Amino acid sequence: MPTVIVEGPRADRETKRELVKRLTEVVREVYGVHHVSVIIHENETENVGVDGELLSDVLERRRGK
């Protein structure tokens, strides 16, 4: 059984439903299997670093704060 792990930002339940549904469809098609697990890890932007900076700082700067 393939397992897909997604690392990403917080999302509402409907977004997660759509993500799980679509990822499962693709994995089933490519692998030709029925059972697929999808695990979603939600990461706060202050816990993610991009190019030596916290993602939260980068996003604040883009918003002009």
C-alpha atoms as a PDB file:
ATOM      1  CA  MET A   1       0.000   0.000   0.000  1.00  0.00           C
ATOM      2  CA  PRO A   2       1.605   3.304  -1.066  1.00  0.00           C
ATOM      3  CA  THR A   3       1.758   6.094   1.490  1.00  0.00           C
ATOM      4  CA  VAL A   4       1.912   9.745   0.436  1.00  0.00           C
ATOM      5  CA  ILE A   5       3.159  12.267   3.009  1.00  0.00           C
ATOM      6  CA  VAL A   6       2.371  15.931   2.398  1.00  0.00           C
ATOM      7  CA  GLU A   7       4.274  18.666   4.254  1.00  0.00           C
ATOM      8  CA  GLY A   8       2.498  21.970   3.895  1.00  0.00           C
ATOM      9  CA  PRO A   9       0.726  24.901   5.478  1.00  0.00           C
ATOM     10  CA  ARG A  10      -2.441  24.692   7.550  1.00  0.00           C
ATOM     11  CA  ALA A  11      -5.522  24.042   5.484  1.00  0.00           C
ATOM     12  CA  ASP A  12      -9.228  23.820   6.162  1.00  0.00           C
ATOM     13  CA  ARG A  13     -10.982  20.459   6.189  1.00  0.00           C
ATOM     14  CA  GLU A  14     -12.489  20.884   2.703  1.00  0.00           C
ATOM     15  CA  THR A  15      -9.065  21.609   1.203  1.00  0.00           C
ATOM     16  CA  LYS A  16      -7.664  18.495   2.892  1.00  0.00           C
ATOM     17  CA  ARG A  17     -10.542  16.385   1.573  1.00  0.00           C
ATOM     18  CA  GLU A  18      -9.845  17.558  -1.970  1.00  0.00           C
ATOM     19  CA  LEU A  19      -6.103  16.990  -1.598  1.00  0.00           C
ATOM     20  CA  VAL A  20      -6.561  13.454  -0.253  1.00  0.00           C
ATOM     21  CA  LYS A  21      -9.107  12.596  -2.955  1.00  0.00           C
ATOM     22  CA  ARG A  22      -6.979  13.817  -5.852  1.00  0.00           C
ATOM     23  CA  LEU A  23      -3.691  12.378  -4.590  1.00  0.00           C
ATOM     24  CA  THR A  24      -5.379   9.033  -4.028  1.00  0.00           C
ATOM     25  CA  GLU A  25      -6.789   9.029  -7.571  1.00  0.00           C
ATOM     26  CA  VAL A  26      -3.358   9.679  -9.084  1.00  0.00           C
ATOM     27  CA  VAL A  27      -1.566   7.077  -6.972  1.00  0.00           C
ATOM     28  CA  ARG A  28      -4.229   4.467  -7.764  1.00  0.00           C
ATOM     29  CA  GLU A  29      -3.907   5.178 -11.472  1.00  0.00           C
ATOM     30  CA  VAL A  30      -0.109   5.117 -11.534  1.00  0.00           C
ATOM     31  CA  TYR A  31       0.454   2.155  -9.197  1.00  0.00           C
ATOM     32  CA  GLY A  32      -2.640   0.198 -10.165  1.00  0.00           C
ATOM     33  CA  VAL A  33      -3.559  -0.406  -6.519  1.00  0.00           C
ATOM     34  CA  HIS A  34      -6.697   0.157  -4.487  1.00  0.00           C
ATOM     35  CA  HIS A  35      -5.444   1.056  -0.997  1.00  0.00           C
ATOM     36  CA  VAL A  36      -3.586   4.368  -0.610  1.00  0.00           C
ATOM     37  CA  SER A  37      -2.723   6.245   2.575  1.00  0.00           C
ATOM     38  CA  VAL A  38      -2.262  10.007   2.659  1.00  0.00           C
ATOM     39  CA  ILE A  39      -0.733  11.695   5.706  1.00  0.00           C
ATOM     40  CA  ILE A  40      -0.884  15.478   5.999  1.00  0.00           C
ATOM     41  CA  HIS A  41       1.644  17.268   8.201  1.00  0.00           C
ATOM     42  CA  GLU A  42       0.654  20.870   8.750  1.00  0.00           C
ATOM     43  CA  ASN A  43       3.525  23.228   9.446  1.00  0.00           C
ATOM     44  CA  GLU A  44       3.277  26.691  10.950  1.00  0.00           C
ATOM     45  CA  THR A  45       5.163  29.241   8.849  1.00  0.00           C
ATOM     46  CA  GLU A  46       7.340  30.099  11.857  1.00  0.00           C
ATOM     47  CA  ASN A  47       8.602  26.501  11.805  1.00  0.00           C
ATOM     48  CA  VAL A  48       9.720  26.558   8.149  1.00  0.00           C
ATOM     49  CA  GLY A  49      12.962  28.059   6.896  1.00  0.00           C
ATOM     50  CA  VAL A  50      13.470  29.209   3.308  1.00  0.00           C
ATOM     51  CA  ASP A  51      16.839  30.465   2.086  1.00  0.00           C
ATOM     52  CA  GLY A  52      18.036  31.137   5.631  1.00  0.00           C
ATOM     53  CA  GLU A  53      14.915  32.951   6.816  1.00  0.00           C
ATOM     54  CA  LEU A  54      11.747  31.947   8.596  1.00  0.00           C
ATOM     55  CA  LEU A  55       8.871  31.652   6.157  1.00  0.00           C
ATOM     56  CA  SER A  56       6.726  33.740   8.520  1.00  0.00           C
ATOM     57  CA  ASP A  57       9.200  36.643   8.168  1.00  0.00           C
ATOM     58  CA  VAL A  58       9.262  36.338   4.373  1.00  0.00           C
ATOM     59  CA  LEU A  59       5.452  36.364   4.190  1.00  0.00           C
ATOM     60  CA  GLU A  60       5.171  39.355   6.529  1.00  0.00           C
ATOM     61  CA  ARG A  61       7.621  41.296   4.401  1.00  0.00           C
ATOM     62  CA  ARG A  62       5.617  40.489   1.259  1.00  0.00           C
ATOM     63  CA  ARG A  63       2.465  41.750   2.927  1.00  0.00           C
ATOM     64  CA  GLY A  64       4.240  44.989   3.764  1.00  0.00           C
ATOM     65  CA  LYS A  65       4.181  44.584   7.541  1.00  0.00           C
END
